[in-house]
């Protein structure tokens, strides 16, 4: 996407969400979005295999009740 496409996307997205952006703010948002997209593209282009960054397995610790709770009558 070129800078005009990004600006058009920002304006259309703002309108769809009911946000009012003046031209200067829309341009700042578009600049930031383009910069973020470029950074994301750098990560996407990095040659990583499945074993390079294995996913963590979430294992919650069992709930341990507090021993100093007051008992209700």
N, C-alpha and C. Protein backbone atom coordinates (compact mmCIF):
# COMPACT_ATOMS: atom_id res chain seq x y z
N UNK A 1 0.84 -1.19 0.00
CA UNK A 1 0.00 0.00 0.00
C UNK A 1 0.88 1.24 0.00
N UNK A 2 0.49 2.22 -0.76
CA UNK A 2 1.23 3.47 -0.74
C UNK A 2 0.61 4.41 0.30
N UNK A 3 1.20 5.57 0.49
CA UNK A 3 0.75 6.47 1.57
C UNK A 3 -0.68 6.97 1.34
N UNK A 4 -1.09 7.10 0.09
CA UNK A 4 -2.45 7.54 -0.19
C UNK A 4 -3.46 6.44 0.16
N UNK A 5 -3.10 5.21 -0.12
CA UNK A 5 -3.97 4.08 0.24
C UNK A 5 -4.12 3.96 1.75
N UNK A 6 -3.01 4.14 2.47
CA UNK A 6 -3.06 4.05 3.93
C UNK A 6 -3.93 5.16 4.50
N UNK A 7 -3.77 6.36 3.99
CA UNK A 7 -4.59 7.49 4.46
C UNK A 7 -6.07 7.25 4.16
N UNK A 8 -6.37 6.74 2.97
CA UNK A 8 -7.76 6.44 2.63
C UNK A 8 -8.32 5.36 3.56
N UNK A 9 -7.49 4.36 3.89
CA UNK A 9 -7.92 3.29 4.80
C UNK A 9 -8.22 3.87 6.18
N UNK A 10 -7.33 4.73 6.67
CA UNK A 10 -7.53 5.34 8.00
C UNK A 10 -8.82 6.15 8.02
N UNK A 11 -9.05 6.94 7.00
CA UNK A 11 -10.26 7.77 6.96
C UNK A 11 -11.51 6.90 6.87
N UNK A 12 -11.47 5.86 6.05
CA UNK A 12 -12.63 4.97 5.92
C UNK A 12 -12.88 4.22 7.23
N UNK A 13 -11.82 3.77 7.88
CA UNK A 13 -11.97 3.05 9.15
C UNK A 13 -12.53 3.96 10.23
N UNK A 14 -12.05 5.19 10.27
CA UNK A 14 -12.55 6.15 11.26
C UNK A 14 -14.03 6.42 11.04
N UNK A 15 -14.42 6.58 9.79
CA UNK A 15 -15.83 6.82 9.47
C UNK A 15 -16.68 5.62 9.87
N UNK A 16 -16.20 4.44 9.57
CA UNK A 16 -16.95 3.22 9.90
C UNK A 16 -17.13 3.06 11.41
N UNK A 17 -16.18 3.58 12.19
CA UNK A 17 -16.25 3.45 13.65
C UNK A 17 -16.88 4.68 14.31
N UNK A 18 -17.27 5.65 13.49
CA UNK A 18 -17.89 6.85 14.04
C UNK A 18 -16.90 7.80 14.68
N UNK A 19 -15.62 7.71 14.30
CA UNK A 19 -14.60 8.60 14.84
C UNK A 19 -14.44 9.81 13.93
N UNK A 20 -14.30 10.97 14.54
CA UNK A 20 -14.09 12.18 13.77
C UNK A 20 -12.61 12.53 13.84
N UNK A 21 -11.94 12.48 12.70
CA UNK A 21 -10.51 12.82 12.62
C UNK A 21 -10.33 13.99 11.67
N UNK A 22 -9.65 15.05 12.13
CA UNK A 22 -9.32 16.11 11.18
C UNK A 22 -8.19 15.61 10.29
N UNK A 23 -7.90 16.34 9.24
CA UNK A 23 -6.91 15.88 8.26
C UNK A 23 -5.53 15.66 8.86
N UNK A 24 -5.13 16.55 9.78
CA UNK A 24 -3.80 16.42 10.39
C UNK A 24 -3.70 15.15 11.24
N UNK A 25 -4.74 14.88 12.01
CA UNK A 25 -4.72 13.68 12.86
C UNK A 25 -4.79 12.42 12.01
N UNK A 26 -5.60 12.43 10.97
CA UNK A 26 -5.69 11.27 10.09
C UNK A 26 -4.34 10.99 9.45
N UNK A 27 -3.61 12.05 9.08
CA UNK A 27 -2.29 11.86 8.49
C UNK A 27 -1.31 11.26 9.50
N UNK A 28 -1.38 11.72 10.76
CA UNK A 28 -0.49 11.16 11.80
C UNK A 28 -0.80 9.69 12.04
N UNK A 29 -2.09 9.35 12.08
CA UNK A 29 -2.48 7.95 12.27
C UNK A 29 -2.00 7.11 11.10
N UNK A 30 -2.15 7.64 9.88
CA UNK A 30 -1.72 6.91 8.69
C UNK A 30 -0.21 6.70 8.69
N UNK A 31 0.53 7.72 9.11
CA UNK A 31 1.99 7.59 9.19
C UNK A 31 2.38 6.50 10.18
N UNK A 32 1.74 6.50 11.33
CA UNK A 32 2.03 5.49 12.36
C UNK A 32 1.65 4.10 11.87
N UNK A 33 0.48 3.98 11.22
CA UNK A 33 0.05 2.68 10.71
C UNK A 33 1.01 2.15 9.66
N UNK A 34 1.46 3.02 8.76
CA UNK A 34 2.42 2.59 7.73
C UNK A 34 3.73 2.14 8.36
N UNK A 35 4.19 2.86 9.37
CA UNK A 35 5.43 2.50 10.07
C UNK A 35 5.27 1.15 10.76
N UNK A 36 4.14 0.94 11.41
CA UNK A 36 3.88 -0.33 12.09
C UNK A 36 3.78 -1.48 11.10
N UNK A 37 3.15 -1.24 9.96
CA UNK A 37 3.05 -2.28 8.93
C UNK A 37 4.42 -2.64 8.38
N UNK A 38 5.29 -1.65 8.23
CA UNK A 38 6.65 -1.94 7.76
C UNK A 38 7.43 -2.77 8.78
N UNK A 39 7.27 -2.46 10.06
CA UNK A 39 7.94 -3.25 11.10
C UNK A 39 7.41 -4.68 11.12
N UNK A 40 6.10 -4.83 10.97
CA UNK A 40 5.50 -6.17 10.95
C UNK A 40 6.01 -6.95 9.74
N UNK A 41 6.19 -6.28 8.61
CA UNK A 41 6.69 -6.95 7.41
C UNK A 41 8.11 -7.47 7.63
N UNK A 42 8.93 -6.70 8.36
CA UNK A 42 10.29 -7.16 8.68
C UNK A 42 10.24 -8.46 9.47
N UNK A 43 9.32 -8.55 10.42
CA UNK A 43 9.19 -9.78 11.20
C UNK A 43 8.67 -10.93 10.34
N UNK A 44 7.71 -10.64 9.49
CA UNK A 44 7.17 -11.68 8.61
C UNK A 44 8.24 -12.22 7.66
N UNK A 45 9.17 -11.37 7.26
CA UNK A 45 10.20 -11.78 6.31
C UNK A 45 11.35 -12.55 6.96
N UNK A 46 11.42 -12.55 8.28
CA UNK A 46 12.50 -13.26 8.98
C UNK A 46 12.34 -14.76 8.76
N UNK A 47 13.42 -15.43 8.37
CA UNK A 47 13.32 -16.87 8.08
C UNK A 47 13.31 -17.70 9.38
N UNK A 48 12.13 -17.97 9.90
CA UNK A 48 11.99 -18.76 11.12
C UNK A 48 11.30 -20.07 10.80
N UNK A 49 11.82 -21.12 11.39
CA UNK A 49 11.19 -22.42 11.27
C UNK A 49 10.36 -22.73 12.49
N UNK A 50 9.67 -23.83 12.48
CA UNK A 50 8.80 -24.22 13.59
C UNK A 50 9.60 -24.39 14.88
N UNK A 51 10.79 -24.94 14.79
CA UNK A 51 11.60 -25.21 15.98
C UNK A 51 12.36 -23.98 16.48
N UNK A 52 12.36 -22.89 15.74
CA UNK A 52 13.11 -21.70 16.16
C UNK A 52 12.49 -21.01 17.37
N UNK A 53 11.18 -21.05 17.47
CA UNK A 53 10.51 -20.42 18.60
C UNK A 53 9.29 -21.24 18.97
N UNK A 54 9.50 -22.32 19.74
CA UNK A 54 8.37 -23.19 20.07
C UNK A 54 7.35 -22.48 20.97
N UNK A 55 6.12 -22.83 20.79
CA UNK A 55 5.06 -22.25 21.60
C UNK A 55 5.15 -22.77 23.03
N UNK A 56 4.84 -21.92 23.96
CA UNK A 56 4.81 -22.33 25.36
C UNK A 56 3.51 -23.08 25.63
N UNK A 57 3.55 -23.97 26.58
CA UNK A 57 2.36 -24.69 26.98
C UNK A 57 1.89 -24.10 28.30
N UNK A 58 0.66 -23.62 28.32
CA UNK A 58 0.10 -23.00 29.52
C UNK A 58 -0.38 -24.08 30.46
N UNK A 59 0.20 -24.10 31.65
CA UNK A 59 -0.21 -25.05 32.68
C UNK A 59 -0.45 -24.26 33.96
N UNK A 60 -1.71 -23.95 34.25
CA UNK A 60 -1.97 -23.16 35.46
C UNK A 60 -1.64 -23.96 36.71
N UNK A 61 -1.20 -23.27 37.71
CA UNK A 61 -0.90 -23.90 39.00
C UNK A 61 -2.23 -24.15 39.71
N UNK A 62 -2.34 -25.27 40.38
CA UNK A 62 -3.57 -25.60 41.09
C UNK A 62 -3.83 -24.55 42.16
N UNK A 63 -5.09 -24.20 42.33
CA UNK A 63 -5.48 -23.21 43.33
C UNK A 63 -5.23 -23.75 44.73
N UNK A 64 -4.52 -22.98 45.51
CA UNK A 64 -4.26 -23.34 46.90
C UNK A 64 -5.05 -22.41 47.81
N UNK A 65 -6.02 -22.93 48.55
CA UNK A 65 -6.80 -22.06 49.45
C UNK A 65 -5.91 -21.47 50.54
N UNK A 66 -6.25 -20.25 50.94
CA UNK A 66 -5.50 -19.60 52.01
C UNK A 66 -5.82 -20.27 53.33
N UNK A 67 -4.84 -20.53 54.15
CA UNK A 67 -5.06 -21.22 55.41
C UNK A 67 -5.53 -20.26 56.50
N UNK A 68 -5.40 -18.95 56.28
CA UNK A 68 -5.76 -18.00 57.35
C UNK A 68 -7.14 -17.39 57.13
N UNK A 69 -8.00 -18.04 56.35
CA UNK A 69 -9.36 -17.55 56.15
C UNK A 69 -10.18 -17.81 57.41
N UNK A 70 -11.08 -16.85 57.68
CA UNK A 70 -12.00 -17.05 58.79
C UNK A 70 -13.14 -17.95 58.34
N UNK A 71 -13.55 -18.84 59.19
CA UNK A 71 -14.67 -19.70 58.87
C UNK A 71 -15.96 -19.00 59.30
N UNK A 72 -16.96 -19.09 58.45
CA UNK A 72 -18.24 -18.48 58.78
C UNK A 72 -19.03 -19.43 59.66
N UNK A 73 -19.80 -18.87 60.63
CA UNK A 73 -20.58 -19.72 61.55
C UNK A 73 -21.71 -20.44 60.86
